[in-house]
């Protein structure tokens, strides 16, 4: 089963219920080499579901001193697809290695992803 690292709204109970139909259980970890900023969300469904117009977003910095705390969830492939539907276009799902050494999916700022 895939692991999904969340540093933002996917940690919220109401977002989990709307997106996955169940509360998720997870454990703390950190995203290494990324820095965090704020993204204003215009998608009404996402704003209504999360209750927030501003969401956290991360981009790769390459600096191992930069760390973003969050939660790792074990989810199904179908739930991962639902998470993809929830996230707006500014987010892109990428695989990364967390501070624990485990590989997980994370949504990052798509505007700064090098797809070459």
N, C-alpha and C. Protein backbone atom coordinates (compact mmCIF):
# COMPACT_ATOMS: atom_id res chain seq x y z
N UNK A 1 0.84 -1.19 0.00
CA UNK A 1 0.00 0.00 0.00
C UNK A 1 0.88 1.24 0.00
N UNK A 2 0.47 2.26 -0.75
CA UNK A 2 1.28 3.48 -0.82
C UNK A 2 1.28 4.26 0.49
N UNK A 3 2.37 4.99 0.70
CA UNK A 3 2.46 5.92 1.82
C UNK A 3 2.29 7.32 1.27
N UNK A 4 1.53 8.14 1.99
CA UNK A 4 1.29 9.52 1.61
C UNK A 4 1.70 10.41 2.76
N UNK A 5 2.59 11.36 2.50
CA UNK A 5 3.03 12.33 3.51
C UNK A 5 2.20 13.58 3.35
N UNK A 6 1.58 14.03 4.44
CA UNK A 6 0.80 15.26 4.42
C UNK A 6 1.35 16.24 5.43
N UNK A 7 1.52 17.48 4.97
CA UNK A 7 1.95 18.58 5.84
C UNK A 7 0.83 19.60 5.97
N UNK A 8 -0.32 19.32 5.36
CA UNK A 8 -1.40 20.30 5.32
C UNK A 8 -2.77 19.72 5.56
N UNK A 9 -3.71 20.09 4.69
CA UNK A 9 -5.12 19.82 4.95
C UNK A 9 -5.51 18.35 4.91
N UNK A 10 -4.72 17.50 4.28
CA UNK A 10 -5.06 16.07 4.28
C UNK A 10 -4.91 15.45 5.68
N UNK A 11 -4.38 16.23 6.62
CA UNK A 11 -4.32 15.79 8.01
C UNK A 11 -5.63 16.09 8.76
N UNK A 12 -6.49 16.94 8.18
CA UNK A 12 -7.73 17.35 8.82
C UNK A 12 -8.79 16.25 8.72
N UNK A 13 -9.48 16.00 9.83
CA UNK A 13 -10.51 14.97 9.88
C UNK A 13 -11.57 15.18 8.79
N UNK A 14 -12.08 16.42 8.66
CA UNK A 14 -13.15 16.68 7.70
C UNK A 14 -12.69 16.49 6.26
N UNK A 15 -11.44 16.79 5.97
CA UNK A 15 -10.90 16.57 4.62
C UNK A 15 -10.74 15.07 4.36
N UNK A 16 -10.28 14.33 5.36
CA UNK A 16 -10.15 12.87 5.21
C UNK A 16 -11.50 12.22 4.97
N UNK A 17 -12.52 12.64 5.71
CA UNK A 17 -13.84 12.05 5.54
C UNK A 17 -14.41 12.36 4.15
N UNK A 18 -14.24 13.59 3.69
CA UNK A 18 -14.74 13.97 2.37
C UNK A 18 -13.96 13.31 1.24
N UNK A 19 -12.66 13.12 1.44
CA UNK A 19 -11.79 12.60 0.38
C UNK A 19 -11.73 11.08 0.38
N UNK A 20 -11.60 10.48 1.57
CA UNK A 20 -11.38 9.04 1.68
C UNK A 20 -12.56 8.27 2.27
N UNK A 21 -13.50 9.00 2.86
CA UNK A 21 -14.65 8.35 3.47
C UNK A 21 -14.34 7.69 4.80
N UNK A 22 -13.17 7.99 5.35
CA UNK A 22 -12.77 7.42 6.64
C UNK A 22 -11.67 8.27 7.24
N UNK A 23 -11.54 8.23 8.57
CA UNK A 23 -10.40 8.91 9.19
C UNK A 23 -9.13 8.08 8.98
N UNK A 24 -8.03 8.75 8.76
CA UNK A 24 -6.76 8.05 8.55
C UNK A 24 -5.95 8.06 9.84
N UNK A 25 -5.20 6.98 10.06
CA UNK A 25 -4.25 6.94 11.16
C UNK A 25 -2.86 7.03 10.57
N UNK A 26 -2.00 7.81 11.20
CA UNK A 26 -0.67 7.98 10.67
C UNK A 26 0.35 8.19 11.75
N UNK A 27 1.56 8.47 11.33
CA UNK A 27 2.64 8.74 12.27
C UNK A 27 3.44 9.93 11.79
N UNK A 28 4.06 10.60 12.73
CA UNK A 28 4.83 11.82 12.44
C UNK A 28 6.11 11.48 11.68
N UNK A 29 6.48 12.38 10.80
CA UNK A 29 7.73 12.28 10.06
C UNK A 29 8.05 13.68 9.56
N UNK A 30 9.15 13.81 8.81
CA UNK A 30 9.53 15.10 8.26
C UNK A 30 9.96 14.96 6.81
N UNK A 31 9.64 15.99 6.07
CA UNK A 31 10.06 16.13 4.68
C UNK A 31 11.38 16.90 4.71
N UNK A 32 12.43 16.31 4.18
CA UNK A 32 13.77 16.90 4.26
C UNK A 32 14.12 17.57 2.93
N UNK A 33 14.69 18.79 3.03
CA UNK A 33 15.14 19.49 1.83
C UNK A 33 14.05 20.27 1.12
N UNK A 34 12.97 20.57 1.83
CA UNK A 34 11.87 21.34 1.26
C UNK A 34 11.57 22.53 2.16
N UNK A 35 11.08 23.62 1.53
CA UNK A 35 10.64 24.76 2.31
C UNK A 35 9.17 25.02 2.01
N UNK A 36 8.52 25.59 3.00
CA UNK A 36 7.07 25.75 2.99
C UNK A 36 6.68 27.19 2.70
N UNK A 37 5.57 27.37 2.00
CA UNK A 37 4.99 28.69 1.81
C UNK A 37 3.47 28.54 1.78
N UNK A 38 2.78 29.61 1.44
CA UNK A 38 1.32 29.64 1.45
C UNK A 38 0.80 29.80 0.02
N UNK A 39 -0.27 29.08 -0.30
CA UNK A 39 -0.94 29.17 -1.60
C UNK A 39 -2.39 29.55 -1.35
N UNK A 40 -2.88 30.57 -2.05
CA UNK A 40 -4.29 30.93 -1.97
C UNK A 40 -5.07 30.03 -2.91
N UNK A 41 -6.10 29.37 -2.37
CA UNK A 41 -6.90 28.41 -3.11
C UNK A 41 -8.16 29.08 -3.64
N UNK A 42 -8.46 28.87 -4.93
CA UNK A 42 -9.66 29.44 -5.53
C UNK A 42 -10.75 28.40 -5.77
N UNK A 43 -10.41 27.13 -5.67
CA UNK A 43 -11.37 26.05 -5.91
C UNK A 43 -12.39 26.01 -4.77
N UNK A 44 -13.67 26.25 -5.08
CA UNK A 44 -14.68 26.35 -4.02
C UNK A 44 -14.87 25.04 -3.26
N UNK A 45 -14.79 23.89 -3.95
CA UNK A 45 -14.95 22.61 -3.26
C UNK A 45 -13.84 22.42 -2.23
N UNK A 46 -12.61 22.69 -2.62
CA UNK A 46 -11.47 22.52 -1.72
C UNK A 46 -11.57 23.48 -0.54
N UNK A 47 -11.97 24.71 -0.80
CA UNK A 47 -12.12 25.70 0.27
C UNK A 47 -13.24 25.28 1.23
N UNK A 48 -14.37 24.83 0.69
CA UNK A 48 -15.47 24.38 1.54
C UNK A 48 -15.08 23.15 2.35
N UNK A 49 -14.36 22.22 1.75
CA UNK A 49 -13.97 20.99 2.43
C UNK A 49 -12.96 21.26 3.54
N UNK A 50 -11.97 22.09 3.26
CA UNK A 50 -10.91 22.36 4.23
C UNK A 50 -11.26 23.47 5.20
N UNK A 51 -12.17 24.36 4.78
CA UNK A 51 -12.50 25.52 5.60
C UNK A 51 -11.43 26.61 5.53
N UNK A 52 -10.55 26.52 4.53
CA UNK A 52 -9.43 27.46 4.43
C UNK A 52 -9.24 27.93 2.99
N UNK A 53 -8.94 29.21 2.83
CA UNK A 53 -8.60 29.72 1.50
C UNK A 53 -7.09 29.71 1.28
N UNK A 54 -6.33 29.61 2.35
CA UNK A 54 -4.87 29.53 2.23
C UNK A 54 -4.40 28.17 2.72
N UNK A 55 -3.64 27.50 1.85
CA UNK A 55 -3.11 26.18 2.17
C UNK A 55 -1.58 26.22 2.13
N UNK A 56 -0.97 25.34 2.88
CA UNK A 56 0.48 25.21 2.82
C UNK A 56 0.86 24.53 1.51
N UNK A 57 2.04 24.87 1.00
CA UNK A 57 2.60 24.23 -0.18
C UNK A 57 4.11 24.19 0.02
N UNK A 58 4.77 23.20 -0.56
CA UNK A 58 6.22 23.08 -0.40
C UNK A 58 6.90 23.00 -1.76
N UNK A 59 8.16 23.40 -1.75
CA UNK A 59 8.99 23.22 -2.94
C UNK A 59 10.37 22.78 -2.48
N UNK A 60 11.05 22.07 -3.36
CA UNK A 60 12.37 21.51 -3.05
C UNK A 60 13.38 22.63 -2.95
N UNK A 61 14.16 22.62 -1.86
CA UNK A 61 15.22 23.61 -1.68
C UNK A 61 16.60 22.97 -1.83
N UNK A 62 16.67 21.65 -1.59
CA UNK A 62 17.96 20.97 -1.64
C UNK A 62 18.78 21.15 -0.38
N UNK A 63 18.30 21.91 0.57
CA UNK A 63 19.01 22.16 1.82
C UNK A 63 18.49 21.20 2.88
N UNK A 64 19.33 20.27 3.33
CA UNK A 64 18.90 19.27 4.31
C UNK A 64 18.52 19.87 5.66
N UNK A 65 18.90 21.13 5.91
CA UNK A 65 18.48 21.80 7.14
C UNK A 65 17.02 22.24 7.06
N UNK A 66 16.46 22.32 5.86
CA UNK A 66 15.05 22.68 5.70
C UNK A 66 14.21 21.42 5.92
N UNK A 67 13.30 21.50 6.88
CA UNK A 67 12.44 20.34 7.19
C UNK A 67 11.01 20.80 7.39
N UNK A 68 10.10 19.99 6.88
CA UNK A 68 8.67 20.28 7.02
C UNK A 68 8.05 19.12 7.80
N UNK A 69 7.46 19.40 8.98
CA UNK A 69 6.82 18.33 9.74
C UNK A 69 5.47 17.95 9.14
N UNK A 70 5.08 16.72 9.37
CA UNK A 70 3.79 16.26 8.87
C UNK A 70 3.49 14.86 9.34
N UNK A 71 2.55 14.24 8.65
CA UNK A 71 2.07 12.91 9.02
C UNK A 71 2.11 12.00 7.80
N UNK A 72 2.51 10.74 8.02
CA UNK A 72 2.53 9.73 6.97
C UNK A 72 1.31 8.83 7.16
N UNK A 73 0.59 8.62 6.06
CA UNK A 73 -0.58 7.76 6.09
C UNK A 73 -0.39 6.61 5.11
N UNK A 74 -0.81 5.40 5.51
CA UNK A 74 -0.84 4.27 4.60
C UNK A 74 -2.25 4.23 4.01
N UNK A 75 -2.33 4.34 2.69
CA UNK A 75 -3.62 4.40 2.01
C UNK A 75 -3.63 3.41 0.85
N UNK A 76 -4.79 3.22 0.27
CA UNK A 76 -4.91 2.33 -0.88
C UNK A 76 -4.62 3.11 -2.17
N UNK A 77 -4.44 2.38 -3.26
CA UNK A 77 -4.25 3.02 -4.56
C UNK A 77 -5.47 3.87 -4.94
N UNK A 78 -6.67 3.38 -4.61
CA UNK A 78 -7.89 4.12 -4.90
C UNK A 78 -7.94 5.42 -4.09
N UNK A 79 -7.51 5.36 -2.83
CA UNK A 79 -7.48 6.56 -2.00
C UNK A 79 -6.44 7.56 -2.51
N UNK A 80 -5.33 7.07 -3.01
CA UNK A 80 -4.33 7.95 -3.59
C UNK A 80 -4.91 8.68 -4.80
N UNK A 81 -5.69 7.98 -5.60
CA UNK A 81 -6.34 8.60 -6.75
C UNK A 81 -7.33 9.67 -6.29
N UNK A 82 -8.03 9.43 -5.17
CA UNK A 82 -8.96 10.43 -4.63
C UNK A 82 -8.21 11.65 -4.12
N UNK A 83 -7.03 11.43 -3.53
CA UNK A 83 -6.21 12.56 -3.08
C UNK A 83 -5.77 13.40 -4.28
N UNK A 84 -5.44 12.74 -5.38
CA UNK A 84 -5.08 13.46 -6.61
C UNK A 84 -6.24 14.35 -7.07
N UNK A 85 -7.46 13.85 -6.95
CA UNK A 85 -8.64 14.62 -7.36
C UNK A 85 -8.86 15.82 -6.44
N UNK A 86 -8.57 15.66 -5.15
CA UNK A 86 -8.76 16.73 -4.17
C UNK A 86 -7.78 17.88 -4.39
N UNK A 87 -6.53 17.56 -4.69
CA UNK A 87 -5.49 18.59 -4.82
C UNK A 87 -5.71 19.42 -6.08
N UNK A 88 -5.51 20.72 -5.96
CA UNK A 88 -5.67 21.63 -7.10
C UNK A 88 -4.45 21.55 -8.02
N UNK A 89 -4.55 22.17 -9.19
CA UNK A 89 -3.53 22.05 -10.23
C UNK A 89 -2.14 22.54 -9.82
N UNK A 90 -2.07 23.43 -8.83
CA UNK A 90 -0.76 23.94 -8.40
C UNK A 90 0.06 22.90 -7.65
N UNK A 91 -0.57 21.78 -7.27
CA UNK A 91 0.13 20.70 -6.57
C UNK A 91 0.42 19.55 -7.51
N UNK A 92 1.60 18.97 -7.37
CA UNK A 92 1.97 17.78 -8.13
C UNK A 92 2.46 16.72 -7.15
N UNK A 93 2.02 15.49 -7.36
CA UNK A 93 2.44 14.39 -6.48
C UNK A 93 3.78 13.85 -6.97
N UNK A 94 4.76 13.78 -6.05
CA UNK A 94 6.08 13.23 -6.36
C UNK A 94 6.49 12.26 -5.25
N UNK A 95 7.37 11.36 -5.56
CA UNK A 95 7.92 10.44 -4.57
C UNK A 95 9.14 11.08 -3.92
N UNK A 96 9.29 10.86 -2.63
CA UNK A 96 10.43 11.41 -1.91
C UNK A 96 10.82 10.48 -0.77
N UNK A 97 12.01 10.67 -0.25
CA UNK A 97 12.46 9.93 0.94
C UNK A 97 12.33 10.86 2.13
N UNK A 98 11.64 10.39 3.16
CA UNK A 98 11.41 11.18 4.37
C UNK A 98 12.57 11.05 5.34
N UNK A 99 12.53 11.83 6.41
CA UNK A 99 13.59 11.80 7.43
C UNK A 99 13.76 10.39 8.01
N UNK A 100 12.67 9.64 8.09
CA UNK A 100 12.71 8.27 8.62
C UNK A 100 13.39 7.29 7.68
N UNK A 101 13.61 7.70 6.42
CA UNK A 101 14.18 6.81 5.42
C UNK A 101 13.14 6.10 4.58
N UNK A 102 11.87 6.29 4.91
CA UNK A 102 10.79 5.65 4.16
C UNK A 102 10.43 6.49 2.93
N UNK A 103 10.05 5.80 1.86
CA UNK A 103 9.63 6.49 0.65
C UNK A 103 8.13 6.74 0.72
N UNK A 104 7.72 7.95 0.35
CA UNK A 104 6.30 8.30 0.38
C UNK A 104 6.00 9.28 -0.74
N UNK A 105 4.72 9.36 -1.10
CA UNK A 105 4.24 10.38 -2.02
C UNK A 105 4.02 11.66 -1.24
N UNK A 106 4.23 12.79 -1.89
CA UNK A 106 3.96 14.10 -1.29
C UNK A 106 3.53 15.04 -2.41
N UNK A 107 2.65 15.98 -2.07
CA UNK A 107 2.22 16.98 -3.03
C UNK A 107 3.08 18.22 -2.86
N UNK A 108 3.73 18.62 -3.96
CA UNK A 108 4.65 19.76 -3.95
C UNK A 108 4.15 20.81 -4.93
N UNK A 109 4.79 21.97 -4.90
CA UNK A 109 4.45 23.06 -5.79
C UNK A 109 4.81 22.69 -7.23
N UNK A 110 3.81 22.48 -8.06
CA UNK A 110 4.03 22.03 -9.44
C UNK A 110 4.79 23.04 -10.27
N UNK A 111 4.73 24.30 -9.86
CA UNK A 111 5.40 25.36 -10.63
C UNK A 111 6.93 25.27 -10.53
N UNK A 112 7.43 24.48 -9.56
CA UNK A 112 8.87 24.38 -9.36
C UNK A 112 9.40 22.97 -9.55
N UNK A 113 8.63 22.10 -10.18
CA UNK A 113 9.05 20.73 -10.40
C UNK A 113 9.72 20.63 -11.77
N UNK A 114 10.92 20.10 -11.77
CA UNK A 114 11.66 19.86 -13.03
C UNK A 114 11.27 18.48 -13.51
N UNK A 115 10.54 18.41 -14.60
CA UNK A 115 10.06 17.13 -15.11
C UNK A 115 10.99 16.52 -16.16
N UNK A 116 12.20 17.04 -16.28
CA UNK A 116 13.11 16.50 -17.31
C UNK A 116 13.74 15.21 -16.88
